[in-house]
Amino acid sequence: MSTYRIIQYLFATIMSFITSYLITLLFKHQNYWGMEEHASTIHAAINSLIAIIAIRTIAYFDNKEDSK
């Protein structure tokens, strides 16, 4: 596994954790839009979306790198 790919995975993981933390703050500690009872569902859905986007982005750049 190349160093570039490891950095991509670490960056995607760190961004996912940061975004998860911000979403948790937004929905659990604040009562925005009266949605605190749905916070864990929204948190899981957005976290899954972030993971899918990160995986697809890494796969795109891996395919682009392999085609050279």
N, C-alpha and C. Protein backbone atom coordinates (compact mmCIF):
# COMPACT_ATOMS: atom_id res chain seq x y z
N MET A 1 0.85 -1.18 0.00
CA MET A 1 0.00 0.00 0.00
C MET A 1 0.90 1.24 0.00
N SER A 2 0.64 2.12 -0.92
CA SER A 2 1.49 3.30 -1.03
C SER A 2 1.20 4.31 0.07
N THR A 3 2.17 5.16 0.31
CA THR A 3 2.02 6.19 1.34
C THR A 3 0.88 7.14 0.99
N TYR A 4 0.75 7.43 -0.29
CA TYR A 4 -0.32 8.33 -0.75
C TYR A 4 -1.69 7.77 -0.39
N ARG A 5 -1.87 6.48 -0.58
CA ARG A 5 -3.15 5.83 -0.28
C ARG A 5 -3.42 5.82 1.22
N ILE A 6 -2.39 5.57 2.03
CA ILE A 6 -2.55 5.58 3.48
C ILE A 6 -2.96 6.97 3.96
N ILE A 7 -2.34 8.01 3.39
CA ILE A 7 -2.71 9.39 3.75
C ILE A 7 -4.15 9.66 3.37
N GLN A 8 -4.59 9.17 2.22
CA GLN A 8 -5.99 9.35 1.81
C GLN A 8 -6.94 8.71 2.82
N TYR A 9 -6.65 7.49 3.23
CA TYR A 9 -7.51 6.80 4.20
C TYR A 9 -7.53 7.53 5.54
N LEU A 10 -6.37 7.97 6.00
CA LEU A 10 -6.31 8.70 7.27
C LEU A 10 -7.09 10.01 7.19
N PHE A 11 -6.94 10.73 6.09
CA PHE A 11 -7.66 11.99 5.92
C PHE A 11 -9.17 11.76 5.92
N ALA A 12 -9.62 10.74 5.20
CA ALA A 12 -11.05 10.43 5.15
C ALA A 12 -11.57 10.06 6.53
N THR A 13 -10.80 9.29 7.28
CA THR A 13 -11.21 8.88 8.63
C THR A 13 -11.29 10.08 9.56
N ILE A 14 -10.27 10.94 9.53
CA ILE A 14 -10.26 12.12 10.40
C ILE A 14 -11.41 13.05 10.06
N MET A 15 -11.67 13.27 8.78
CA MET A 15 -12.78 14.15 8.39
C MET A 15 -14.12 13.56 8.82
N SER A 16 -14.24 12.24 8.74
CA SER A 16 -15.47 11.59 9.18
C SER A 16 -15.70 11.78 10.67
N PHE A 17 -14.64 11.63 11.47
CA PHE A 17 -14.77 11.83 12.92
C PHE A 17 -15.11 13.28 13.26
N ILE A 18 -14.45 14.22 12.59
CA ILE A 18 -14.72 15.64 12.86
C ILE A 18 -16.16 15.98 12.51
N THR A 19 -16.61 15.52 11.35
CA THR A 19 -17.98 15.80 10.94
C THR A 19 -18.98 15.13 11.88
N SER A 20 -18.68 13.91 12.31
CA SER A 20 -19.56 13.22 13.25
C SER A 20 -19.67 13.99 14.56
N TYR A 21 -18.54 14.50 15.03
CA TYR A 21 -18.55 15.26 16.28
C TYR A 21 -19.38 16.53 16.13
N LEU A 22 -19.23 17.23 15.01
CA LEU A 22 -19.99 18.46 14.79
C LEU A 22 -21.49 18.18 14.68
N ILE A 23 -21.83 17.07 14.00
CA ILE A 23 -23.24 16.70 13.89
C ILE A 23 -23.81 16.36 15.27
N THR A 24 -23.00 15.65 16.07
CA THR A 24 -23.44 15.31 17.43
C THR A 24 -23.70 16.57 18.24
N LEU A 25 -22.79 17.54 18.14
CA LEU A 25 -22.99 18.81 18.85
C LEU A 25 -24.26 19.50 18.37
N LEU A 26 -24.46 19.51 17.07
CA LEU A 26 -25.59 20.22 16.49
C LEU A 26 -26.92 19.63 16.93
N PHE A 27 -27.04 18.31 16.87
CA PHE A 27 -28.34 17.70 17.11
C PHE A 27 -28.58 17.26 18.55
N LYS A 28 -27.53 16.92 19.30
CA LYS A 28 -27.75 16.41 20.66
C LYS A 28 -27.67 17.49 21.72
N HIS A 29 -26.73 18.41 21.59
CA HIS A 29 -26.53 19.40 22.63
C HIS A 29 -27.34 20.68 22.38
N GLN A 30 -27.82 20.83 21.19
CA GLN A 30 -28.67 21.98 20.86
C GLN A 30 -30.03 21.43 20.43
N ASN A 31 -31.04 22.22 20.59
CA ASN A 31 -32.37 21.76 20.21
C ASN A 31 -32.79 22.42 18.89
N TYR A 32 -31.89 22.35 17.89
CA TYR A 32 -32.22 22.92 16.59
C TYR A 32 -33.36 22.13 15.96
N TRP A 33 -34.34 22.81 15.50
CA TRP A 33 -35.47 22.25 14.76
C TRP A 33 -36.21 21.18 15.54
N GLY A 34 -36.04 21.09 16.85
CA GLY A 34 -36.73 20.10 17.66
C GLY A 34 -36.42 18.68 17.26
N MET A 35 -35.19 18.41 16.85
CA MET A 35 -34.86 17.10 16.28
C MET A 35 -33.97 16.26 17.19
N GLU A 36 -33.84 16.59 18.48
CA GLU A 36 -32.90 15.83 19.30
C GLU A 36 -33.30 14.37 19.46
N GLU A 37 -34.61 14.06 19.35
CA GLU A 37 -35.02 12.66 19.49
C GLU A 37 -34.62 11.84 18.26
N HIS A 38 -34.34 12.51 17.14
CA HIS A 38 -33.92 11.82 15.92
C HIS A 38 -32.42 11.93 15.70
N ALA A 39 -31.69 12.44 16.69
CA ALA A 39 -30.28 12.75 16.48
C ALA A 39 -29.45 11.53 16.11
N SER A 40 -29.67 10.40 16.78
CA SER A 40 -28.83 9.23 16.49
C SER A 40 -29.09 8.69 15.09
N THR A 41 -30.34 8.74 14.64
CA THR A 41 -30.66 8.27 13.29
C THR A 41 -30.04 9.18 12.24
N ILE A 42 -30.19 10.48 12.44
CA ILE A 42 -29.61 11.45 11.50
C ILE A 42 -28.09 11.33 11.50
N HIS A 43 -27.52 11.18 12.69
CA HIS A 43 -26.07 11.04 12.84
C HIS A 43 -25.57 9.82 12.08
N ALA A 44 -26.24 8.69 12.24
CA ALA A 44 -25.83 7.46 11.56
C ALA A 44 -25.96 7.60 10.04
N ALA A 45 -27.05 8.22 9.59
CA ALA A 45 -27.27 8.38 8.16
C ALA A 45 -26.20 9.27 7.53
N ILE A 46 -25.91 10.39 8.16
CA ILE A 46 -24.91 11.31 7.61
C ILE A 46 -23.52 10.69 7.69
N ASN A 47 -23.23 9.98 8.77
CA ASN A 47 -21.93 9.33 8.89
C ASN A 47 -21.76 8.26 7.81
N SER A 48 -22.81 7.52 7.51
CA SER A 48 -22.75 6.53 6.43
C SER A 48 -22.51 7.20 5.09
N LEU A 49 -23.19 8.32 4.87
CA LEU A 49 -23.02 9.06 3.62
C LEU A 49 -21.58 9.55 3.48
N ILE A 50 -21.00 10.06 4.56
CA ILE A 50 -19.61 10.52 4.53
C ILE A 50 -18.68 9.36 4.21
N ALA A 51 -18.92 8.21 4.83
CA ALA A 51 -18.07 7.04 4.57
C ALA A 51 -18.16 6.60 3.11
N ILE A 52 -19.37 6.59 2.56
CA ILE A 52 -19.55 6.20 1.16
C ILE A 52 -18.83 7.18 0.24
N ILE A 53 -18.97 8.47 0.50
CA ILE A 53 -18.31 9.48 -0.34
C ILE A 53 -16.79 9.33 -0.24
N ALA A 54 -16.28 9.10 0.98
CA ALA A 54 -14.83 8.94 1.15
C ALA A 54 -14.32 7.71 0.40
N ILE A 55 -15.04 6.60 0.52
CA ILE A 55 -14.62 5.37 -0.15
C ILE A 55 -14.66 5.53 -1.67
N ARG A 56 -15.73 6.15 -2.18
CA ARG A 56 -15.84 6.34 -3.63
C ARG A 56 -14.77 7.30 -4.14
N THR A 57 -14.45 8.34 -3.36
CA THR A 57 -13.41 9.28 -3.77
C THR A 57 -12.06 8.58 -3.84
N ILE A 58 -11.75 7.79 -2.82
CA ILE A 58 -10.48 7.06 -2.80
C ILE A 58 -10.44 6.06 -3.96
N ALA A 59 -11.53 5.36 -4.21
CA ALA A 59 -11.58 4.40 -5.32
C ALA A 59 -11.38 5.11 -6.66
N TYR A 60 -11.97 6.29 -6.81
CA TYR A 60 -11.81 7.05 -8.06
C TYR A 60 -10.35 7.40 -8.29
N PHE A 61 -9.68 7.92 -7.25
CA PHE A 61 -8.29 8.30 -7.42
C PHE A 61 -7.38 7.08 -7.57
N ASP A 62 -7.73 5.97 -6.94
CA ASP A 62 -6.96 4.74 -7.13
C ASP A 62 -7.06 4.26 -8.58
N ASN A 63 -8.28 4.28 -9.13
CA ASN A 63 -8.46 3.87 -10.52
C ASN A 63 -7.74 4.82 -11.47
N LYS A 64 -7.77 6.10 -11.15
CA LYS A 64 -7.09 7.09 -11.97
C LYS A 64 -5.57 6.87 -11.93
N GLU A 65 -5.07 6.52 -10.73
CA GLU A 65 -3.64 6.27 -10.56
C GLU A 65 -3.23 4.98 -11.27
N ASP A 66 -4.08 3.95 -11.22
CA ASP A 66 -3.77 2.67 -11.85
C ASP A 66 -3.79 2.76 -13.37
N SER A 67 -4.59 3.66 -13.92
CA SER A 67 -4.73 3.74 -15.37
C SER A 67 -3.55 4.45 -16.04
N LYS A 68 -2.68 5.05 -15.24
CA LYS A 68 -1.52 5.75 -15.83
C LYS A 68 -0.50 4.78 -16.37
